[in-house]
Amino acid sequence: MLTKQQIVREILGWDGKMLSGSKSSYSKSHPKSIVYFNGNIYDSVGSKLWYGDIDVTKDAKNLKRLAAELKESIYITAEQPFRWEEQTKESLEAVCAETAYARAQRIDP
C-alpha cells in the first residue's frame, strides 16, 4: 500500500516543481489558467502534501485523480500566508469560502 506522499509524488511529481523560469511569462502565455506559483497542497485535515508551481487548469485531471486516490478532499493554496505552517480543515474551508479561488480552492474526490 502506498503512503499519501508516494501517491502525491506519483501523480504530481516531486516537490518544488517550477512551471517556468518566469512567472510573468507563464501567466501571459496562459491567461485563462488558474496558477499558484509556490503553491501548497493540503489533505483534508490540513497536513501539507506537496508544494511547488501548479497550473490548476492544466492539471485539473491529475488533481481530481489525486483526491480520488486519497479518498478525501485536497486543498490547493497560494504561497502566502500558507507556506510555512500546517493548516486545519476549518482554516482551509474558511479561506476557500472567502476568496473564491484567489488564494485557495478545494478539489473533492
C-alpha atoms as a PDB file:
ATOM      1  CA  MET A   1       0.000   0.000   0.000  1.00  0.00           C
ATOM      2  CA  LEU A   2       1.363   3.424  -0.965  1.00  0.00           C
ATOM      3  CA  THR A   3       1.644   6.274   1.515  1.00  0.00           C
ATOM      4  CA  LYS A   4      -0.024   9.624   0.815  1.00  0.00           C
ATOM      5  CA  GLN A   5       3.356  11.100  -0.107  1.00  0.00           C
ATOM      6  CA  GLN A   6       4.042   8.297  -2.578  1.00  0.00           C
ATOM      7  CA  ILE A   7       0.630   8.761  -4.213  1.00  0.00           C
ATOM      8  CA  VAL A   8       1.173  12.531  -4.464  1.00  0.00           C
ATOM      9  CA  ARG A   9       4.641  12.084  -5.953  1.00  0.00           C
ATOM     10  CA  GLU A  10       3.335   9.516  -8.450  1.00  0.00           C
ATOM     11  CA  ILE A  11       0.618  11.885  -9.685  1.00  0.00           C
ATOM     12  CA  LEU A  12       2.200  15.355  -9.357  1.00  0.00           C
ATOM     13  CA  GLY A  13       5.917  14.642  -9.274  1.00  0.00           C
ATOM     14  CA  TRP A  14       8.476  15.864  -6.772  1.00  0.00           C
ATOM     15  CA  ASP A  15       8.006  18.870  -4.512  1.00  0.00           C
ATOM     16  CA  GLY A  16       9.387  22.169  -5.740  1.00  0.00           C
ATOM     17  CA  LYS A  17       8.216  21.855  -9.347  1.00  0.00           C
ATOM     18  CA  MET A  18       8.642  25.013 -11.432  1.00  0.00           C
ATOM     19  CA  LEU A  19       6.376  25.722 -14.388  1.00  0.00           C
ATOM     20  CA  SER A  20       8.681  28.344 -15.856  1.00  0.00           C
ATOM     21  CA  GLY A  21      11.726  30.429 -15.088  1.00  0.00           C
ATOM     22  CA  SER A  22       9.468  33.475 -15.346  1.00  0.00           C
ATOM     23  CA  LYS A  23       6.132  33.744 -13.547  1.00  0.00           C
ATOM     24  CA  SER A  24       5.060  36.705 -15.663  1.00  0.00           C
ATOM     25  CA  SER A  25       5.892  34.941 -18.948  1.00  0.00           C
ATOM     26  CA  TYR A  26       3.972  31.840 -17.896  1.00  0.00           C
ATOM     27  CA  SER A  27       0.998  33.929 -16.788  1.00  0.00           C
ATOM     28  CA  LYS A  28       0.993  35.865 -20.077  1.00  0.00           C
ATOM     29  CA  SER A  29       1.143  32.687 -22.150  1.00  0.00           C
ATOM     30  CA  HIS A  30      -1.619  31.007 -20.077  1.00  0.00           C
ATOM     31  CA  PRO A  31      -4.021  33.897 -19.350  1.00  0.00           C
ATOM     32  CA  LYS A  32      -7.046  31.678 -18.692  1.00  0.00           C
ATOM     33  CA  SER A  33      -5.256  29.371 -16.268  1.00  0.00           C
ATOM     34  CA  ILE A  34      -5.585  29.419 -12.501  1.00  0.00           C
ATOM     35  CA  VAL A  35      -1.957  29.183 -11.404  1.00  0.00           C
ATOM     36  CA  TYR A  36      -0.420  29.026  -7.953  1.00  0.00           C
ATOM     37  CA  PHE A  37       3.296  29.756  -8.038  1.00  0.00           C
ATOM     38  CA  ASN A  38       4.958  28.249  -4.978  1.00  0.00           C
ATOM     39  CA  GLY A  39       1.566  26.802  -4.102  1.00  0.00           C
ATOM     40  CA  ASN A  40       0.765  24.201  -1.488  1.00  0.00           C
ATOM     41  CA  ILE A  41      -1.481  21.159  -1.464  1.00  0.00           C
ATOM     42  CA  TYR A  42      -3.015  20.026   1.824  1.00  0.00           C
ATOM     43  CA  ASP A  43      -5.055  16.969   2.724  1.00  0.00           C
ATOM     44  CA  SER A  44      -8.476  17.094   4.370  1.00  0.00           C
ATOM     45  CA  VAL A  45      -7.035  17.577   7.866  1.00  0.00           C
ATOM     46  CA  GLY A  46      -4.599  20.341   6.904  1.00  0.00           C
ATOM     47  CA  SER A  47      -1.330  18.415   6.545  1.00  0.00           C
ATOM     48  CA  LYS A  48       0.865  19.656   3.709  1.00  0.00           C
ATOM     49  CA  LEU A  49       1.268  17.039   0.985  1.00  0.00           C
ATOM     50  CA  TRP A  50       3.135  18.928  -1.743  1.00  0.00           C
ATOM     51  CA  TYR A  51       4.482  22.350  -2.714  1.00  0.00           C
ATOM     52  CA  GLY A  52       5.560  23.911  -5.982  1.00  0.00           C
ATOM     53  CA  ASP A  53       4.100  25.633  -9.025  1.00  0.00           C
ATOM     54  CA  ILE A  54       0.734  24.246 -10.071  1.00  0.00           C
ATOM     55  CA  ASP A  55      -1.476  25.178 -13.001  1.00  0.00           C
ATOM     56  CA  VAL A  56      -4.854  24.113 -11.657  1.00  0.00           C
ATOM     57  CA  THR A  57      -6.466  24.489 -15.071  1.00  0.00           C
ATOM     58  CA  LYS A  58      -3.968  22.271 -16.918  1.00  0.00           C
ATOM     59  CA  ASP A  59      -3.606  19.823 -14.018  1.00  0.00           C
ATOM     60  CA  ALA A  60      -7.313  19.521 -13.226  1.00  0.00           C
ATOM     61  CA  LYS A  61      -7.500  15.815 -14.138  1.00  0.00           C
ATOM     62  CA  ASN A  62      -4.455  14.959 -12.039  1.00  0.00           C
ATOM     63  CA  LEU A  63      -5.764  16.956  -9.083  1.00  0.00           C
ATOM     64  CA  LYS A  64      -9.131  15.198  -9.296  1.00  0.00           C
ATOM     65  CA  ARG A  65      -7.311  11.861  -9.585  1.00  0.00           C
ATOM     66  CA  LEU A  66      -5.217  12.719  -6.527  1.00  0.00           C
ATOM     67  CA  ALA A  67      -8.308  13.485  -4.443  1.00  0.00           C
ATOM     68  CA  ALA A  68      -9.919  10.243  -5.660  1.00  0.00           C
ATOM     69  CA  GLU A  69      -6.826   8.130  -4.916  1.00  0.00           C
ATOM     70  CA  LEU A  70      -6.541   9.654  -1.438  1.00  0.00           C
ATOM     71  CA  LYS A  71     -10.313   9.320  -0.956  1.00  0.00           C
ATOM     72  CA  GLU A  72     -10.502  12.808   0.520  1.00  0.00           C
ATOM     73  CA  SER A  73     -10.719  16.452  -0.455  1.00  0.00           C
ATOM     74  CA  ILE A  74      -7.488  18.280  -1.145  1.00  0.00           C
ATOM     75  CA  TYR A  75      -6.823  21.988  -0.839  1.00  0.00           C
ATOM     76  CA  ILE A  76      -4.627  23.996  -3.183  1.00  0.00           C
ATOM     77  CA  THR A  77      -3.391  27.274  -1.748  1.00  0.00           C
ATOM     78  CA  ALA A  78      -1.295  30.220  -2.759  1.00  0.00           C
ATOM     79  CA  GLU A  79       2.162  30.574  -1.242  1.00  0.00           C
ATOM     80  CA  GLN A  80       1.228  33.210   1.313  1.00  0.00           C
ATOM     81  CA  PRO A  81       0.153  33.001   4.041  1.00  0.00           C
ATOM     82  CA  PHE A  82       0.187  29.194   3.808  1.00  0.00           C
ATOM     83  CA  ARG A  83       3.775  28.309   3.036  1.00  0.00           C
ATOM     84  CA  TRP A  84       5.354  27.702   6.429  1.00  0.00           C
ATOM     85  CA  GLU A  85       2.650  26.395   8.718  1.00  0.00           C
ATOM     86  CA  GLU A  86       0.270  23.494   8.908  1.00  0.00           C
ATOM     87  CA  GLN A  87      -3.386  24.318   8.419  1.00  0.00           C
ATOM     88  CA  THR A  88      -6.639  22.961   9.776  1.00  0.00           C
ATOM     89  CA  LYS A  89      -9.590  21.844   7.731  1.00  0.00           C
ATOM     90  CA  GLU A  90     -11.540  24.752   9.194  1.00  0.00           C
ATOM     91  CA  SER A  91      -8.935  27.352   8.198  1.00  0.00           C
ATOM     92  CA  LEU A  92      -8.717  25.940   4.670  1.00  0.00           C
ATOM     93  CA  GLU A  93     -12.511  25.809   4.295  1.00  0.00           C
ATOM     94  CA  ALA A  94     -12.767  29.408   5.504  1.00  0.00           C
ATOM     95  CA  VAL A  95     -10.222  30.746   3.024  1.00  0.00           C
ATOM     96  CA  CYS A  96     -11.832  28.793   0.164  1.00  0.00           C
ATOM     97  CA  ALA A  97     -15.210  30.305   1.010  1.00  0.00           C
ATOM     98  CA  GLU A  98     -13.995  33.882   1.349  1.00  0.00           C
ATOM     99  CA  THR A  99     -11.684  34.157  -1.617  1.00  0.00           C
ATOM    100  CA  ALA A 100     -13.342  32.275  -4.479  1.00  0.00           C
ATOM    101  CA  TYR A 101     -10.060  30.902  -5.894  1.00  0.00           C
ATOM    102  CA  ALA A 102      -7.962  33.977  -5.181  1.00  0.00           C
ATOM    103  CA  ARG A 103      -5.831  32.214  -2.573  1.00  0.00           C
ATOM    104  CA  ALA A 104      -7.229  28.694  -2.233  1.00  0.00           C
ATOM    105  CA  GLN A 105      -9.593  26.126  -3.631  1.00  0.00           C
ATOM    106  CA  ARG A 106     -10.865  22.678  -2.719  1.00  0.00           C
ATOM    107  CA  ILE A 107     -10.901  19.640  -5.013  1.00  0.00           C
ATOM    108  CA  ASP A 108     -13.276  16.870  -3.979  1.00  0.00           C
ATOM    109  CA  PRO A 109     -12.827  13.182  -4.865  1.00  0.00           C
END
